[in-house]
Protein backbone atom coordinates (compact mmCIF):
# COMPACT_ATOMS: atom_id res chain seq x y z
CA UNK A 1 32.18 120.88 137.78
CA UNK A 2 30.35 123.24 135.54
CA UNK A 3 29.75 122.76 131.97
CA UNK A 4 30.44 125.84 129.67
CA UNK A 5 28.26 127.02 126.89
CA UNK A 6 30.49 125.29 124.62
CA UNK A 7 30.01 121.83 126.08
CA UNK A 8 26.11 122.35 126.25
CA UNK A 9 25.80 123.69 122.67
CA UNK A 10 27.81 120.79 121.33
CA UNK A 11 25.42 118.25 122.94
CA UNK A 12 22.49 120.11 121.78
CA UNK A 13 23.86 120.34 118.17
CA UNK A 14 24.59 116.71 118.04
CA UNK A 15 21.27 115.88 119.57
CA UNK A 16 19.74 118.10 116.88
CA UNK A 17 21.70 116.29 114.11
CA UNK A 18 20.58 113.02 115.46
CA UNK A 19 16.93 114.17 115.70
CA UNK A 20 16.83 115.60 112.04
CA UNK A 21 19.07 112.92 110.50
CA UNK A 22 17.37 112.00 107.24
CA UNK A 23 20.58 110.87 105.25
CA UNK A 24 20.92 114.54 103.95
CA UNK A 25 23.04 116.99 105.63
CA UNK A 26 21.59 119.20 108.23
CA UNK A 27 22.30 122.99 107.63
CA UNK A 28 23.82 124.77 110.64
CA UNK A 29 21.53 127.77 110.00
CA UNK A 30 18.59 125.30 110.72
CA UNK A 31 20.23 123.93 113.89
CA UNK A 32 21.05 127.73 115.06
CA UNK A 33 17.42 128.61 114.65
CA UNK A 34 15.85 125.53 116.27
CA UNK A 35 18.20 125.59 119.26
CA UNK A 36 18.45 129.45 119.52
CA UNK A 37 22.06 129.42 119.35
CA UNK A 38 24.28 132.03 117.40
CA UNK A 39 25.16 130.29 113.88
CA UNK A 40 28.84 131.76 114.45
CA UNK A 41 29.17 130.09 117.68
CA UNK A 42 27.97 126.93 116.33
CA UNK A 43 30.41 127.18 113.44
CA UNK A 44 33.20 126.81 115.99
CA UNK A 45 31.71 123.93 117.72
CA UNK A 46 31.05 122.23 114.36
CA UNK A 47 34.73 122.82 113.48
CA UNK A 48 35.69 120.89 116.75
CA UNK A 49 33.19 118.21 116.25
CA UNK A 50 34.38 117.72 112.69
CA UNK A 51 38.15 117.55 113.37
CA UNK A 52 37.36 114.96 115.99
CA UNK A 53 35.47 112.92 113.50
CA UNK A 54 32.09 113.17 115.37
CA UNK A 55 30.32 114.99 112.35
CA UNK A 56 31.16 115.03 108.67
CA UNK A 57 30.90 118.28 106.75
CA UNK A 58 29.30 118.41 103.32
CA UNK A 59 29.99 121.62 101.27
CA UNK A 60 27.93 123.34 98.74
CA UNK A 61 24.20 124.66 98.66
CA UNK A 62 22.90 121.41 99.86
CA UNK A 63 25.55 121.02 102.33
CA UNK A 64 25.51 120.92 106.19
CA UNK A 65 26.67 118.39 108.77
CA UNK A 66 25.90 114.63 109.43
CA UNK A 67 26.73 112.41 112.46
CA UNK A 68 29.75 110.16 111.28
CA UNK A 69 28.31 107.20 113.47
CA UNK A 70 24.84 106.06 114.76
CA UNK A 71 23.56 107.75 117.98
CA UNK A 72 24.38 104.73 120.16
CA UNK A 73 28.06 105.16 119.44
CA UNK A 74 28.36 108.60 121.08
CA UNK A 75 28.21 109.23 124.85
CA UNK A 76 27.63 112.40 126.62
CA UNK A 77 31.03 112.21 128.17
CA UNK A 78 32.79 111.86 124.86
CA UNK A 79 31.12 115.04 123.67
CA UNK A 80 31.84 116.98 126.80
CA UNK A 81 35.37 115.93 127.09
CA UNK A 82 35.92 117.00 123.50
CA UNK A 83 34.54 120.49 124.04
CA UNK A 84 35.39 120.76 127.90
CA UNK A 85 38.44 118.90 128.60
CA UNK A 86 38.50 117.06 132.03
CA UNK A 87 35.32 116.79 133.90
CA UNK A 88 36.97 116.38 137.12
CA UNK A 89 35.73 118.69 139.86
CA UNK A 90 39.36 118.99 141.00
CA UNK A 91 42.73 118.42 139.31
CA UNK A 92 43.93 115.81 141.57
CA UNK A 93 41.45 113.32 140.48
CA UNK A 94 41.52 114.22 136.87
CA UNK A 95 43.04 112.30 133.85
CA UNK A 96 46.77 112.76 135.39
CA UNK A 97 46.20 112.96 139.10
CA UNK A 98 49.73 111.73 140.00
CA UNK A 99 51.26 114.52 137.96
CA UNK A 100 48.77 117.08 139.21
CA UNK A 101 49.36 116.07 142.99
CA UNK A 102 53.06 115.60 142.82
CA UNK A 103 53.45 119.00 141.20
CA UNK A 104 50.86 121.33 142.95
CA UNK A 105 49.44 119.73 146.03
CA UNK A 106 51.78 119.42 149.11
CA UNK A 107 49.05 117.62 150.94
CA UNK A 108 48.54 114.98 148.40
CA UNK A 109 49.34 111.91 150.56
CA UNK A 110 47.43 113.07 153.65
CA UNK A 111 44.50 114.73 151.93
CA UNK A 112 41.11 112.97 153.18
CA UNK A 113 39.16 115.16 150.78
CA UNK A 114 40.52 113.54 147.93
CA UNK A 115 38.40 110.59 148.56
CA UNK A 116 35.35 112.76 148.41
CA UNK A 117 36.65 114.28 145.02
CA UNK A 118 37.42 110.77 143.67
CA UNK A 119 33.98 109.68 144.45
CA UNK A 120 32.29 112.73 142.76
CA UNK A 121 34.51 112.28 139.87
CA UNK A 122 33.65 108.62 139.55
CA UNK A 123 29.99 109.61 139.89
CA UNK A 124 30.18 112.10 137.16
CA UNK A 125 31.93 109.91 134.68
CA UNK A 126 29.68 107.06 135.36
CA UNK A 127 26.57 109.20 134.39
CA UNK A 128 28.03 110.86 131.38
CA UNK A 129 29.91 107.73 130.11
CA UNK A 130 26.79 105.64 130.51
CA UNK A 131 23.99 108.14 128.57
CA UNK A 132 24.29 108.07 124.93
CA UNK A 133 22.93 110.24 122.16
CA UNK A 134 20.31 107.60 121.51
CA UNK A 135 19.28 107.84 125.22
CA UNK A 136 19.02 111.68 124.83
CA UNK A 137 16.74 110.89 121.73
CA UNK A 138 14.60 108.63 123.83
CA UNK A 139 14.20 111.15 126.44
CA UNK A 140 13.27 113.74 124.11
CA UNK A 141 10.57 111.56 122.53
CA UNK A 142 9.01 110.62 126.10
CA UNK A 143 8.98 114.50 126.84
CA UNK A 144 7.05 115.00 123.59
CA UNK A 145 4.73 112.39 124.49
CA UNK A 146 4.12 113.91 127.88
CA UNK A 147 2.96 117.13 126.19
CA UNK A 148 -0.72 117.76 126.78
CA UNK A 149 -2.94 120.60 126.01
């Protein structure tokens, strides 16, 4: 599984909103500048996050984006699945493995490697579904505390 820029940038945007939440909307222009991401690309990602109810858009001169929930309520898995779709390394262990295997793989019943792919899929999901946006905030704070001149 390889996470695309859309997934990585969505995660960075959500983390930036969580980091900079003051009760006031965070402007996309500011997120783009801090994260060194194209504002146009972030607009596309913000639309996906907004439609899913992960963020709320506030219009106007003082507008921007706010998280809809507290950082503890978002897992990395939720954000990545929204932008990436399935995180499965192969189709036969994804969300609809029976449909995939029945329709595309003639070796499904005798496939020994499927066990490996299932374990890998479980490991990936175990990590991304356990780590929250709040965890990333804590890790970010730890990294800042480690900075020494």
